[in-house]
Amino acid sequence: EVLKLEASFLGTARVVGWSGLMVGTFIYNRHLKYMTLRRIL
């Protein structure tokens, strides 16, 4: 309503978000899986 972002762009933003999820999965599985939960959280 205020920023006037159209549906197609918000869909693109979700694509970037899912890409971030994939990158987060890769980084965790490759580098962070031995780090303590306290530090990660």
Full PDB file with SEQRES, HELIX, SHEET, SSBOND, CRYST1, ORIGX, SCALE, CONECT and MASTER records, all heavy atoms in Angstrom:
SEQRES   1 A   41  GLU VAL LEU LYS LEU GLU ALA SER PHE LEU GLY THR ALA          
SEQRES   2 A   41  ARG VAL VAL GLY TRP SER GLY LEU MET VAL GLY THR PHE          
SEQRES   3 A   41  ILE TYR ASN ARG HIS LEU LYS TYR MET THR LEU ARG ARG          
SEQRES   4 A   41  ILE LEU                                                      
HELIX    1 AA1 ALA A    7  ILE A   27  1                                  21    
HELIX    2 AA2 TYR A   28  LEU A   32  3                                   5    
HELIX    3 AA3 LEU A   37  ILE A   40  1                                   4    
CRYST1    1.000    1.000    1.000  90.00  90.00  90.00 P 1           1          
ORIGX1      1.000000  0.000000  0.000000        0.00000                         
ORIGX2      0.000000  1.000000  0.000000        0.00000                         
ORIGX3      0.000000  0.000000  1.000000        0.00000                         
SCALE1      1.000000  0.000000  0.000000        0.00000                         
SCALE2      0.000000  1.000000  0.000000        0.00000                         
SCALE3      0.000000  0.000000  1.000000        0.00000                         
ATOM      1  N   GLU A   1       0.807  -1.220   0.000  1.00  0.00           N  
ATOM      2  CA  GLU A   1       0.000   0.000   0.000  1.00  0.00           C  
ATOM      3  C   GLU A   1       0.843   1.275   0.000  1.00  0.00           C  
ATOM      4  O   GLU A   1       0.467   2.258  -0.649  1.00  0.00           O  
ATOM      5  CB  GLU A   1      -0.937   0.010   1.213  1.00  0.00           C  
ATOM      6  CG  GLU A   1      -2.003  -1.076   1.163  1.00  0.00           C  
ATOM      7  CD  GLU A   1      -2.966  -0.982   2.333  1.00  0.00           C  
ATOM      8  OE1 GLU A   1      -2.877   0.004   3.101  1.00  0.00           O  
ATOM      9  OE2 GLU A   1      -3.802  -1.892   2.490  1.00  0.00           O  
ATOM     10  N   VAL A   2       1.953   1.279   0.710  1.00  0.00           N  
ATOM     11  CA  VAL A   2       2.782   2.491   0.813  1.00  0.00           C  
ATOM     12  C   VAL A   2       3.946   2.442  -0.175  1.00  0.00           C  
ATOM     13  O   VAL A   2       4.164   3.394  -0.935  1.00  0.00           O  
ATOM     14  CB  VAL A   2       3.302   2.677   2.256  1.00  0.00           C  
ATOM     15  CG1 VAL A   2       4.220   3.901   2.342  1.00  0.00           C  
ATOM     16  CG2 VAL A   2       2.134   2.821   3.229  1.00  0.00           C  
ATOM     17  N   LEU A   3       4.689   1.348  -0.171  1.00  0.00           N  
ATOM     18  CA  LEU A   3       5.822   1.235  -1.088  1.00  0.00           C  
ATOM     19  C   LEU A   3       5.398   0.881  -2.503  1.00  0.00           C  
ATOM     20  O   LEU A   3       6.204   0.982  -3.436  1.00  0.00           O  
ATOM     21  CB  LEU A   3       6.815   0.171  -0.569  1.00  0.00           C  
ATOM     22  CG  LEU A   3       7.387   0.403   0.837  1.00  0.00           C  
ATOM     23  CD1 LEU A   3       8.407  -0.683   1.173  1.00  0.00           C  
ATOM     24  CD2 LEU A   3       8.010   1.794   0.951  1.00  0.00           C  
ATOM     25  N   LYS A   4       4.148   0.447  -2.662  1.00  0.00           N  
ATOM     26  CA  LYS A   4       3.583   0.116  -3.982  1.00  0.00           C  
ATOM     27  C   LYS A   4       4.392  -0.968  -4.702  1.00  0.00           C  
ATOM     28  O   LYS A   4       4.604  -0.912  -5.909  1.00  0.00           O  
ATOM     29  CB  LYS A   4       3.509   1.370  -4.863  1.00  0.00           C  
ATOM     30  CG  LYS A   4       2.733   2.535  -4.271  1.00  0.00           C  
ATOM     31  CD  LYS A   4       1.269   2.189  -4.053  1.00  0.00           C  
ATOM     32  CE  LYS A   4       0.485   3.383  -3.508  1.00  0.00           C  
ATOM     33  NZ  LYS A   4      -0.934   3.045  -3.239  1.00  0.00           N  
ATOM     34  N   LEU A   5       4.824  -1.957  -3.952  1.00  0.00           N  
ATOM     35  CA  LEU A   5       5.562  -3.065  -4.559  1.00  0.00           C  
ATOM     36  C   LEU A   5       4.569  -4.058  -5.154  1.00  0.00           C  
ATOM     37  O   LEU A   5       3.629  -4.487  -4.490  1.00  0.00           O  
ATOM     38  CB  LEU A   5       6.433  -3.760  -3.513  1.00  0.00           C  
ATOM     39  CG  LEU A   5       7.489  -2.869  -2.833  1.00  0.00           C  
ATOM     40  CD1 LEU A   5       8.271  -3.675  -1.806  1.00  0.00           C  
ATOM     41  CD2 LEU A   5       8.428  -2.271  -3.870  1.00  0.00           C  
ATOM     42  N   GLU A   6       4.768  -4.410  -6.420  1.00  0.00           N  
ATOM     43  CA  GLU A   6       3.830  -5.289  -7.110  1.00  0.00           C  
ATOM     44  C   GLU A   6       4.084  -6.747  -6.746  1.00  0.00           C  
ATOM     45  O   GLU A   6       5.136  -7.115  -6.210  1.00  0.00           O  
ATOM     46  CB  GLU A   6       3.918  -5.099  -8.623  1.00  0.00           C  
ATOM     47  CG  GLU A   6       5.292  -5.354  -9.214  1.00  0.00           C  
ATOM     48  CD  GLU A   6       6.216  -4.152  -9.133  1.00  0.00           C  
ATOM     49  OE1 GLU A   6       5.847  -3.142  -8.496  1.00  0.00           O  
ATOM     50  OE2 GLU A   6       7.329  -4.230  -9.714  1.00  0.00           O  
ATOM     51  N   ALA A   7       3.096  -7.577  -7.090  1.00  0.00           N  
ATOM     52  CA  ALA A   7       3.155  -8.994  -6.726  1.00  0.00           C  
ATOM     53  C   ALA A   7       4.358  -9.697  -7.344  1.00  0.00           C  
ATOM     54  O   ALA A   7       4.987 -10.546  -6.716  1.00  0.00           O  
ATOM     55  CB  ALA A   7       1.860  -9.690  -7.143  1.00  0.00           C  
ATOM     56  N   SER A   8       4.683  -9.347  -8.589  1.00  0.00           N  
ATOM     57  CA  SER A   8       5.806 -10.004  -9.261  1.00  0.00           C  
ATOM     58  C   SER A   8       7.114  -9.718  -8.536  1.00  0.00           C  
ATOM     59  O   SER A   8       7.975 -10.604  -8.409  1.00  0.00           O  
ATOM     60  CB  SER A   8       5.894  -9.538 -10.716  1.00  0.00           C  
ATOM     61  OG  SER A   8       6.047  -8.126 -10.784  1.00  0.00           O  
ATOM     62  N   PHE A   9       7.268  -8.495  -8.022  1.00  0.00           N  
ATOM     63  CA  PHE A   9       8.503  -8.179  -7.301  1.00  0.00           C  
ATOM     64  C   PHE A   9       8.560  -8.903  -5.955  1.00  0.00           C  
ATOM     65  O   PHE A   9       9.624  -9.411  -5.559  1.00  0.00           O  
ATOM     66  CB  PHE A   9       8.633  -6.673  -7.062  1.00  0.00           C  
ATOM     67  CG  PHE A   9       9.795  -6.321  -6.171  1.00  0.00           C  
ATOM     68  CD1 PHE A   9      11.093  -6.326  -6.669  1.00  0.00           C  
ATOM     69  CD2 PHE A   9       9.596  -6.034  -4.824  1.00  0.00           C  
ATOM     70  CE1 PHE A   9      12.164  -6.041  -5.836  1.00  0.00           C  
ATOM     71  CE2 PHE A   9      10.661  -5.745  -4.000  1.00  0.00           C  
ATOM     72  CZ  PHE A   9      11.947  -5.746  -4.508  1.00  0.00           C  
ATOM     73  N   LEU A  10       7.433  -8.950  -5.243  1.00  0.00           N  
ATOM     74  CA  LEU A  10       7.413  -9.652  -3.965  1.00  0.00           C  
ATOM     75  C   LEU A  10       7.708 -11.136  -4.168  1.00  0.00           C  
ATOM     76  O   LEU A  10       8.327 -11.779  -3.311  1.00  0.00           O  
ATOM     77  CB  LEU A  10       6.062  -9.461  -3.274  1.00  0.00           C  
ATOM     78  CG  LEU A  10       5.766  -8.033  -2.778  1.00  0.00           C  
ATOM     79  CD1 LEU A  10       4.393  -7.969  -2.129  1.00  0.00           C  
ATOM     80  CD2 LEU A  10       6.837  -7.563  -1.804  1.00  0.00           C  
ATOM     81  N   GLY A  11       7.277 -11.675  -5.316  1.00  0.00           N  
ATOM     82  CA  GLY A  11       7.646 -13.046  -5.646  1.00  0.00           C  
ATOM     83  C   GLY A  11       9.140 -13.187  -5.833  1.00  0.00           C  
ATOM     84  O   GLY A  11       9.756 -14.150  -5.374  1.00  0.00           O  
ATOM     85  N   THR A  12       9.738 -12.199  -6.496  1.00  0.00           N  
ATOM     86  CA  THR A  12      11.191 -12.193  -6.675  1.00  0.00           C  
ATOM     87  C   THR A  12      11.908 -12.090  -5.331  1.00  0.00           C  
ATOM     88  O   THR A  12      12.936 -12.735  -5.106  1.00  0.00           O  
ATOM     89  CB  THR A  12      11.620 -11.029  -7.576  1.00  0.00           C  
ATOM     90  OG1 THR A  12      10.943 -11.117  -8.831  1.00  0.00           O  
ATOM     91  CG2 THR A  12      13.116 -11.036  -7.814  1.00  0.00           C  
ATOM     92  N   ALA A  13      11.339 -11.281  -4.426  1.00  0.00           N  
ATOM     93  CA  ALA A  13      11.931 -11.149  -3.093  1.00  0.00           C  
ATOM     94  C   ALA A  13      11.914 -12.482  -2.362  1.00  0.00           C  
ATOM     95  O   ALA A  13      12.862 -12.839  -1.647  1.00  0.00           O  
ATOM     96  CB  ALA A  13      11.179 -10.095  -2.289  1.00  0.00           C  
ATOM     97  N   ARG A  14      10.832 -13.253  -2.546  1.00  0.00           N  
ATOM     98  CA  ARG A  14      10.777 -14.571  -1.917  1.00  0.00           C  
ATOM     99  C   ARG A  14      11.805 -15.509  -2.541  1.00  0.00           C  
ATOM    100  O   ARG A  14      12.351 -16.382  -1.861  1.00  0.00           O  
ATOM    101  CB  ARG A  14       9.369 -15.162  -2.068  1.00  0.00           C  
ATOM    102  CG  ARG A  14       8.315 -14.475  -1.229  1.00  0.00           C  
ATOM    103  CD  ARG A  14       8.643 -14.524   0.239  1.00  0.00           C  
ATOM    104  NE  ARG A  14       8.834 -15.901   0.697  1.00  0.00           N  
ATOM    105  CZ  ARG A  14       9.718 -16.272   1.595  1.00  0.00           C  
ATOM    106  NH1 ARG A  14      10.521 -15.389   2.147  1.00  0.00           N  
ATOM    107  NH2 ARG A  14       9.818 -17.541   1.970  1.00  0.00           N  
ATOM    108  N   VAL A  15      12.065 -15.345  -3.835  1.00  0.00           N  
ATOM    109  CA  VAL A  15      13.103 -16.156  -4.474  1.00  0.00           C  
ATOM    110  C   VAL A  15      14.451 -15.883  -3.815  1.00  0.00           C  
ATOM    111  O   VAL A  15      15.209 -16.807  -3.493  1.00  0.00           O  
ATOM    112  CB  VAL A  15      13.182 -15.853  -5.985  1.00  0.00           C  
ATOM    113  CG1 VAL A  15      14.415 -16.516  -6.598  1.00  0.00           C  
ATOM    114  CG2 VAL A  15      11.929 -16.344  -6.692  1.00  0.00           C  
ATOM    115  N   VAL A  16      14.744 -14.615  -3.595  1.00  0.00           N  
ATOM    116  CA  VAL A  16      15.989 -14.246  -2.929  1.00  0.00           C  
ATOM    117  C   VAL A  16      16.007 -14.819  -1.513  1.00  0.00           C  
ATOM    118  O   VAL A  16      17.043 -15.296  -1.028  1.00  0.00           O  
ATOM    119  CB  VAL A  16      16.159 -12.720  -2.908  1.00  0.00           C  
ATOM    120  CG1 VAL A  16      17.398 -12.321  -2.112  1.00  0.00           C  
ATOM    121  CG2 VAL A  16      16.246 -12.172  -4.326  1.00  0.00           C  
ATOM    122  N   GLY A  17      14.832 -14.813  -0.860  1.00  0.00           N  
ATOM    123  CA  GLY A  17      14.739 -15.375   0.479  1.00  0.00           C  
ATOM    124  C   GLY A  17      15.022 -16.875   0.499  1.00  0.00           C  
ATOM    125  O   GLY A  17      15.763 -17.370   1.349  1.00  0.00           O  
ATOM    126  N   TRP A  18      14.458 -17.609  -0.459  1.00  0.00           N  
ATOM    127  CA  TRP A  18      14.720 -19.043  -0.543  1.00  0.00           C  
ATOM    128  C   TRP A  18      16.181 -19.314  -0.895  1.00  0.00           C  
ATOM    129  O   TRP A  18      16.760 -20.299  -0.437  1.00  0.00           O  
ATOM    130  CB  TRP A  18      13.801 -19.689  -1.573  1.00  0.00           C  
ATOM    131  CG  TRP A  18      12.412 -19.917  -1.074  1.00  0.00           C  
ATOM    132  CD1 TRP A  18      11.287 -19.224  -1.411  1.00  0.00           C  
ATOM    133  CD2 TRP A  18      11.993 -20.894  -0.115  1.00  0.00           C  
ATOM    134  NE1 TRP A  18      10.203 -19.708  -0.743  1.00  0.00           N  
ATOM    135  CE2 TRP A  18      10.601 -20.733   0.054  1.00  0.00           C  
ATOM    136  CE3 TRP A  18      12.655 -21.880   0.597  1.00  0.00           C  
ATOM    137  CZ2 TRP A  18       9.864 -21.538   0.924  1.00  0.00           C  
ATOM    138  CZ3 TRP A  18      11.928 -22.676   1.456  1.00  0.00           C  
ATOM    139  CH2 TRP A  18      10.553 -22.503   1.614  1.00  0.00           C  
ATOM    140  N   SER A  19      16.753 -18.438  -1.704  1.00  0.00           N  
ATOM    141  CA  SER A  19      18.181 -18.575  -1.998  1.00  0.00           C  
ATOM    142  C   SER A  19      18.999 -18.405  -0.721  1.00  0.00           C  
ATOM    143  O   SER A  19      19.987 -19.116  -0.503  1.00  0.00           O  
ATOM    144  CB  SER A  19      18.607 -17.541  -3.047  1.00  0.00           C  
ATOM    145  OG  SER A  19      17.882 -17.706  -4.254  1.00  0.00           O  
ATOM    146  N   GLY A  20      18.572 -17.459   0.107  1.00  0.00           N  
ATOM    147  CA  GLY A  20      19.235 -17.272   1.388  1.00  0.00           C  
ATOM    148  C   GLY A  20      19.103 -18.505   2.267  1.00  0.00           C  
ATOM    149  O   GLY A  20      20.032 -18.879   2.981  1.00  0.00           O  
ATOM    150  N   LEU A  21      17.943 -19.178   2.192  1.00  0.00           N  
ATOM    151  CA  LEU A  21      17.757 -20.407   2.953  1.00  0.00           C  
ATOM    152  C   LEU A  21      18.708 -21.493   2.480  1.00  0.00           C  
ATOM    153  O   LEU A  21      19.299 -22.214   3.285  1.00  0.00           O  
ATOM    154  CB  LEU A  21      16.303 -20.866   2.822  1.00  0.00           C  
ATOM    155  CG  LEU A  21      15.857 -22.056   3.677  1.00  0.00           C  
ATOM    156  CD1 LEU A  21      14.384 -21.910   4.039  1.00  0.00           C  
ATOM    157  CD2 LEU A  21      16.048 -23.376   2.924  1.00  0.00           C  
ATOM    158  N   MET A  22      18.865 -21.625   1.160  1.00  0.00           N  
ATOM    159  CA  MET A  22      19.779 -22.623   0.610  1.00  0.00           C  
ATOM    160  C   MET A  22      21.220 -22.332   1.008  1.00  0.00           C  
ATOM    161  O   MET A  22      21.973 -23.231   1.379  1.00  0.00           O  
ATOM    162  CB  MET A  22      19.639 -22.680  -0.913  1.00  0.00           C  
ATOM    163  CG  MET A  22      18.291 -23.187  -1.393  1.00  0.00           C  
ATOM    164  SD  MET A  22      18.199 -23.314  -3.193  1.00  0.00           S  
ATOM    165  CE  MET A  22      19.319 -24.697  -3.483  1.00  0.00           C  
ATOM    166  N   VAL A  23      21.602 -21.050   0.924  1.00  0.00           N  
ATOM    167  CA  VAL A  23      22.954 -20.669   1.319  1.00  0.00           C  
ATOM    168  C   VAL A  23      23.161 -20.933   2.809  1.00  0.00           C  
ATOM    169  O   VAL A  23      24.218 -21.428   3.232  1.00  0.00           O  
ATOM    170  CB  VAL A  23      23.211 -19.184   0.991  1.00  0.00           C  
ATOM    171  CG1 VAL A  23      24.546 -18.726   1.579  1.00  0.00           C  
ATOM    172  CG2 VAL A  23      23.203 -18.965  -0.519  1.00  0.00           C  
ATOM    173  N   GLY A  24      22.124 -20.629   3.609  1.00  0.00           N  
ATOM    174  CA  GLY A  24      22.214 -20.895   5.039  1.00  0.00           C  
ATOM    175  C   GLY A  24      22.383 -22.370   5.335  1.00  0.00           C  
ATOM    176  O   GLY A  24      23.164 -22.763   6.208  1.00  0.00           O  
ATOM    177  N   THR A  25      21.665 -23.220   4.585  1.00  0.00           N  
ATOM    178  CA  THR A  25      21.800 -24.670   4.754  1.00  0.00           C  
ATOM    179  C   THR A  25      23.209 -25.130   4.422  1.00  0.00           C  
ATOM    180  O   THR A  25      23.812 -25.930   5.146  1.00  0.00           O  
ATOM    181  CB  THR A  25      20.795 -25.405   3.847  1.00  0.00           C  
ATOM    182  OG1 THR A  25      19.467 -24.994   4.184  1.00  0.00           O  
ATOM    183  CG2 THR A  25      20.907 -26.913   4.004  1.00  0.00           C  
ATOM    184  N   PHE A  26      23.744 -24.620   3.309  1.00  0.00           N  
ATOM    185  CA  PHE A  26      25.092 -25.010   2.882  1.00  0.00           C  
ATOM    186  C   PHE A  26      26.137 -24.560   3.895  1.00  0.00           C  
ATOM    187  O   PHE A  26      27.025 -25.334   4.277  1.00  0.00           O  
ATOM    188  CB  PHE A  26      25.391 -24.405   1.511  1.00  0.00           C  
ATOM    189  CG  PHE A  26      26.806 -24.629   1.061  1.00  0.00           C  
ATOM    190  CD1 PHE A  26      27.196 -25.847   0.519  1.00  0.00           C  
ATOM    191  CD2 PHE A  26      27.758 -23.623   1.178  1.00  0.00           C  
ATOM    192  CE1 PHE A  26      28.501 -26.058   0.104  1.00  0.00           C  
ATOM    193  CE2 PHE A  26      29.063 -23.819   0.769  1.00  0.00           C  
ATOM    194  CZ  PHE A  26      29.431 -25.041   0.227  1.00  0.00           C  
ATOM    195  N   ILE A  27      26.034 -23.304   4.340  1.00  0.00           N  
ATOM    196  CA  ILE A  27      27.020 -22.770   5.278  1.00  0.00           C  
ATOM    197  C   ILE A  27      26.981 -23.542   6.590  1.00  0.00           C  
ATOM    198  O   ILE A  27      28.019 -23.888   7.166  1.00  0.00           O  
ATOM    199  CB  ILE A  27      26.782 -21.268   5.529  1.00  0.00           C  
ATOM    200  CG1 ILE A  27      27.073 -20.465   4.252  1.00  0.00           C  
ATOM    201  CG2 ILE A  27      27.661 -20.765   6.677  1.00  0.00           C  
ATOM    202  CD1 ILE A  27      26.774 -18.996   4.378  1.00  0.00           C  
ATOM    203  N   TYR A  28      25.759 -23.841   7.059  1.00  0.00           N  
ATOM    204  CA  TYR A  28      25.661 -24.582   8.311  1.00  0.00           C  
ATOM    205  C   TYR A  28      26.281 -25.970   8.169  1.00  0.00           C  
ATOM    206  O   TYR A  28      27.087 -26.391   9.000  1.00  0.00           O  
ATOM    207  CB  TYR A  28      24.203 -24.711   8.758  1.00  0.00           C  
ATOM    208  CG  TYR A  28      24.069 -25.679   9.904  1.00  0.00           C  
ATOM    209  CD1 TYR A  28      24.366 -25.272  11.194  1.00  0.00           C  
ATOM    210  CD2 TYR A  28      23.716 -27.007   9.689  1.00  0.00           C  
ATOM    211  CE1 TYR A  28      24.302 -26.161  12.253  1.00  0.00           C  
ATOM    212  CE2 TYR A  28      23.654 -27.905  10.736  1.00  0.00           C  
ATOM    213  CZ  TYR A  28      23.941 -27.473  12.014  1.00  0.00           C  
ATOM    214  OH  TYR A  28      23.898 -28.363  13.044  1.00  0.00           O  
ATOM    215  N   ASN A  29      25.884 -26.690   7.133  1.00  0.00           N  
ATOM    216  CA  ASN A  29      26.346 -28.070   6.974  1.00  0.00           C  
ATOM    217  C   ASN A  29      27.852 -28.139   6.712  1.00  0.00           C  
ATOM    218  O   ASN A  29      28.502 -29.128   7.046  1.00  0.00           O  
ATOM    219  CB  ASN A  29      25.583 -28.743   5.828  1.00  0.00           C  
ATOM    220  CG  ASN A  29      25.594 -30.253   5.935  1.00  0.00           C  
ATOM    221  OD1 ASN A  29      25.375 -30.812   7.008  1.00  0.00           O  
ATOM    222  ND2 ASN A  29      25.842 -30.934   4.834  1.00  0.00           N  
ATOM    223  N   ARG A  30      28.421 -27.079   6.135  1.00  0.00           N  
ATOM    224  CA  ARG A  30      29.837 -27.085   5.780  1.00  0.00           C  
ATOM    225  C   ARG A  30      30.718 -26.529   6.900  1.00  0.00           C  
ATOM    226  O   ARG A  30      31.828 -27.028   7.120  1.00  0.00           O  
ATOM    227  CB  ARG A  30      30.038 -26.252   4.509  1.00  0.00           C  
ATOM    228  CG  ARG A  30      31.432 -26.326   3.919  1.00  0.00           C  
ATOM    229  CD  ARG A  30      31.708 -27.683   3.313  1.00  0.00           C  
ATOM    230  NE  ARG A  30      33.024 -27.732   2.719  1.00  0.00           N  
ATOM    231  CZ  ARG A  30      33.291 -27.432   1.446  1.00  0.00           C  
ATOM    232  NH1 ARG A  30      32.293 -27.058   0.645  1.00  0.00           N  
ATOM    233  NH2 ARG A  30      34.497 -27.532   0.951  1.00  0.00           N  
ATOM    234  N   HIS A  31      30.211 -25.523   7.635  1.00  0.00           N  
ATOM    235  CA  HIS A  31      31.107 -24.821   8.552  1.00  0.00           C  
ATOM    236  C   HIS A  31      30.604 -24.718   9.997  1.00  0.00           C  
ATOM    237  O   HIS A  31      31.422 -24.524  10.902  1.00  0.00           O  
ATOM    238  CB  HIS A  31      31.364 -23.398   8.037  1.00  0.00           C  
ATOM    239  CG  HIS A  31      31.955 -23.335   6.669  1.00  0.00           C  
ATOM    240  ND1 HIS A  31      33.257 -23.709   6.406  1.00  0.00           N  
ATOM    241  CD2 HIS A  31      31.414 -22.974   5.470  1.00  0.00           C  
ATOM    242  CE1 HIS A  31      33.511 -23.561   5.103  1.00  0.00           C  
ATOM    243  NE2 HIS A  31      32.408 -23.125   4.516  1.00  0.00           N  
ATOM    244  N   LEU A  32      29.300 -24.799  10.223  1.00  0.00           N  
ATOM    245  CA  LEU A  32      28.776 -24.462  11.546  1.00  0.00           C  
ATOM    246  C   LEU A  32      28.230 -25.630  12.344  1.00  0.00           C  
ATOM    247  O   LEU A  32      27.807 -25.436  13.482  1.00  0.00           O  
ATOM    248  CB  LEU A  32      27.659 -23.401  11.405  1.00  0.00           C  
ATOM    249  CG  LEU A  32      28.030 -22.103  10.706  1.00  0.00           C  
ATOM    250  CD1 LEU A  32      26.826 -21.174  10.663  1.00  0.00           C  
ATOM    251  CD2 LEU A  32      29.197 -21.418  11.408  1.00  0.00           C  
ATOM    252  N   LYS A  33      28.221 -26.835  11.797  1.00  0.00           N  
ATOM    253  CA  LYS A  33      27.547 -27.926  12.479  1.00  0.00           C  
ATOM    254  C   LYS A  33      28.265 -28.361  13.765  1.00  0.00           C  
ATOM    255  O   LYS A  33      27.668 -29.039  14.599  1.00  0.00           O  
ATOM    256  CB  LYS A  33      27.370 -29.121  11.544  1.00  0.00           C  
ATOM    257  CG  LYS A  33      28.663 -29.692  10.969  1.00  0.00           C  
ATOM    258  CD  LYS A  33      28.331 -30.775   9.956  1.00  0.00           C  
ATOM    259  CE  LYS A  33      29.589 -31.334   9.302  1.00  0.00           C  
ATOM    260  NZ  LYS A  33      29.249 -32.365   8.282  1.00  0.00           N  
ATOM    261  N   TYR A  34      29.514 -27.982  13.947  1.00  0.00           N  
ATOM    262  CA  TYR A  34      30.206 -28.307  15.183  1.00  0.00           C  
ATOM    263  C   TYR A  34      30.189 -27.149  16.185  1.00  0.00           C  
ATOM    264  O   TYR A  34      30.678 -27.292  17.299  1.00  0.00           O  
ATOM    265  CB  TYR A  34      31.654 -28.706  14.897  1.00  0.00           C  
ATOM    266  CG  TYR A  34      31.768 -29.984  14.103  1.00  0.00           C  
ATOM    267  CD1 TYR A  34      32.107 -29.955  12.757  1.00  0.00           C  
ATOM    268  CD2 TYR A  34      31.522 -31.220  14.703  1.00  0.00           C  
ATOM    269  CE1 TYR A  34      32.198 -31.127  12.024  1.00  0.00           C  
ATOM    270  CE2 TYR A  34      31.616 -32.399  13.980  1.00  0.00           C  
ATOM    271  CZ  TYR A  34      31.953 -32.345  12.640  1.00  0.00           C  
ATOM    272  OH  TYR A  34      32.034 -33.505  11.922  1.00  0.00           O  
ATOM    273  N   MET A  35      29.631 -26.022  15.785  1.00  0.00           N  
ATOM    274  CA  MET A  35      29.536 -24.881  16.686  1.00  0.00           C  
ATOM    275  C   MET A  35      28.418 -25.130  17.700  1.00  0.00           C  
ATOM    276  O   MET A  35      27.418 -25.777  17.401  1.00  0.00           O  
ATOM    277  CB  MET A  35      29.239 -23.600  15.893  1.00  0.00           C  
ATOM    278  CG  MET A  35      29.215 -22.332  16.731  1.00  0.00           C  
ATOM    279  SD  MET A  35      28.827 -20.850  15.745  1.00  0.00           S  
ATOM    280  CE  MET A  35      30.304 -20.751  14.718  1.00  0.00           C  
ATOM    281  N   THR A  36      28.581 -24.630  18.917  1.00  0.00           N  
ATOM    282  CA  THR A  36      27.570 -24.848  19.944  1.00  0.00           C  
ATOM    283  C   THR A  36      26.278 -24.116  19.584  1.00  0.00           C  
ATOM    284  O   THR A  36      26.296 -23.058  18.944  1.00  0.00           O  
ATOM    285  CB  THR A  36      28.063 -24.357  21.312  1.00  0.00           C  
ATOM    286  OG1 THR A  36      28.318 -22.950  21.238  1.00  0.00           O  
ATOM    287  CG2 THR A  36      29.314 -25.100  21.737  1.00  0.00           C  
ATOM    288  N   LEU A  37      25.154 -24.694  20.021  1.00  0.00           N  
ATOM    289  CA  LEU A  37      23.853 -24.084  19.737  1.00  0.00           C  
ATOM    290  C   LEU A  37      23.745 -22.694  20.347  1.00  0.00           C  
ATOM    291  O   LEU A  37      23.132 -21.799  19.759  1.00  0.00           O  
ATOM    292  CB  LEU A  37      22.739 -24.979  20.276  1.00  0.00           C  
ATOM    293  CG  LEU A  37      22.402 -26.247  19.479  1.00  0.00           C  
ATOM    294  CD1 LEU A  37      21.277 -27.003  20.155  1.00  0.00           C  
ATOM    295  CD2 LEU A  37      22.016 -25.884  18.062  1.00  0.00           C  
ATOM    296  N   ARG A  38      24.287 -22.514  21.517  1.00  0.00           N  
ATOM    297  CA  ARG A  38      24.196 -21.203  22.167  1.00  0.00           C  
ATOM    298  C   ARG A  38      24.798 -20.114  21.288  1.00  0.00           C  
ATOM    299  O   ARG A  38      24.202 -19.040  21.105  1.00  0.00           O  
ATOM    300  CB  ARG A  38      24.916 -21.227  23.523  1.00  0.00           C  
ATOM    301  CG  ARG A  38      24.173 -21.965  24.614  1.00  0.00           C  
ATOM    302  CD  ARG A  38      24.855 -21.747  25.952  1.00  0.00           C  
ATOM    303  NE  ARG A  38      24.185 -22.460  27.036  1.00  0.00           N  
ATOM    304  CZ  ARG A  38      24.523 -22.368  28.315  1.00  0.00           C  
ATOM    305  NH1 ARG A  38      25.543 -21.581  28.661  1.00  0.00           N  
ATOM    306  NH2 ARG A  38      23.868 -23.049  29.231  1.00  0.00           N  
ATOM    307  N   ARG A  39      25.962 -20.405  20.744  1.00  0.00           N  
ATOM    308  CA  ARG A  39      26.625 -19.388  19.921  1.00  0.00           C  
ATOM    309  C   ARG A  39      25.857 -19.142  18.624  1.00  0.00           C  
ATOM    310  O   ARG A  39      25.686 -17.995  18.194  1.00  0.00           O  
ATOM    311  CB  ARG A  39      28.062 -19.823  19.615  1.00  0.00           C  
ATOM    312  CG  ARG A  39      28.837 -18.829  18.762  1.00  0.00           C  
ATOM    313  CD  ARG A  39      30.302 -19.212  18.647  1.00  0.00           C  
ATOM    314  NE  ARG A  39      30.960 -19.188  19.946  1.00  0.00           N  
ATOM    315  CZ  ARG A  39      32.259 -19.449  20.104  1.00  0.00           C  
ATOM    316  NH1 ARG A  39      33.015 -19.778  19.057  1.00  0.00           N  
ATOM    317  NH2 ARG A  39      32.805 -19.394  21.299  1.00  0.00           N  
ATOM    318  N   ILE A  40      25.372 -20.224  18.001  1.00  0.00           N  
ATOM    319  CA  ILE A  40      24.610 -20.067  16.761  1.00  0.00           C  
ATOM    320  C   ILE A  40      23.354 -19.237  16.999  1.00  0.00           C  
ATOM    321  O   ILE A  40      23.040 -18.314  16.236  1.00  0.00           O  
ATOM    322  CB  ILE A  40      24.234 -21.450  16.183  1.00  0.00           C  
ATOM    323  CG1 ILE A  40      25.488 -22.188  15.712  1.00  0.00           C  
ATOM    324  CG2 ILE A  40      23.248 -21.306  15.029  1.00  0.00           C  
ATOM    325  CD1 ILE A  40      25.206 -23.593  15.217  1.00  0.00           C  
ATOM    326  N   LEU A  41      22.610 -19.545  18.061  1.00  0.00           N  
ATOM    327  CA  LEU A  41      21.354 -18.863  18.333  1.00  0.00           C  
ATOM    328  C   LEU A  41      21.581 -17.409  18.741  1.00  0.00           C  
ATOM    329  O   LEU A  41      20.796 -16.526  18.377  1.00  0.00           O  
ATOM    330  CB  LEU A  41      20.586 -19.612  19.420  1.00  0.00           C  
ATOM    331  CG  LEU A  41      20.145 -21.036  19.026  1.00  0.00           C  
ATOM    332  CD1 LEU A  41      19.534 -21.760  20.222  1.00  0.00           C  
ATOM    333  CD2 LEU A  41      19.167 -20.991  17.868  1.00  0.00           C  
TER     334      LEU A  41                                                      
MASTER        0    0    0    3    0    0    0    6  333    1    0    4          
END                                                                             
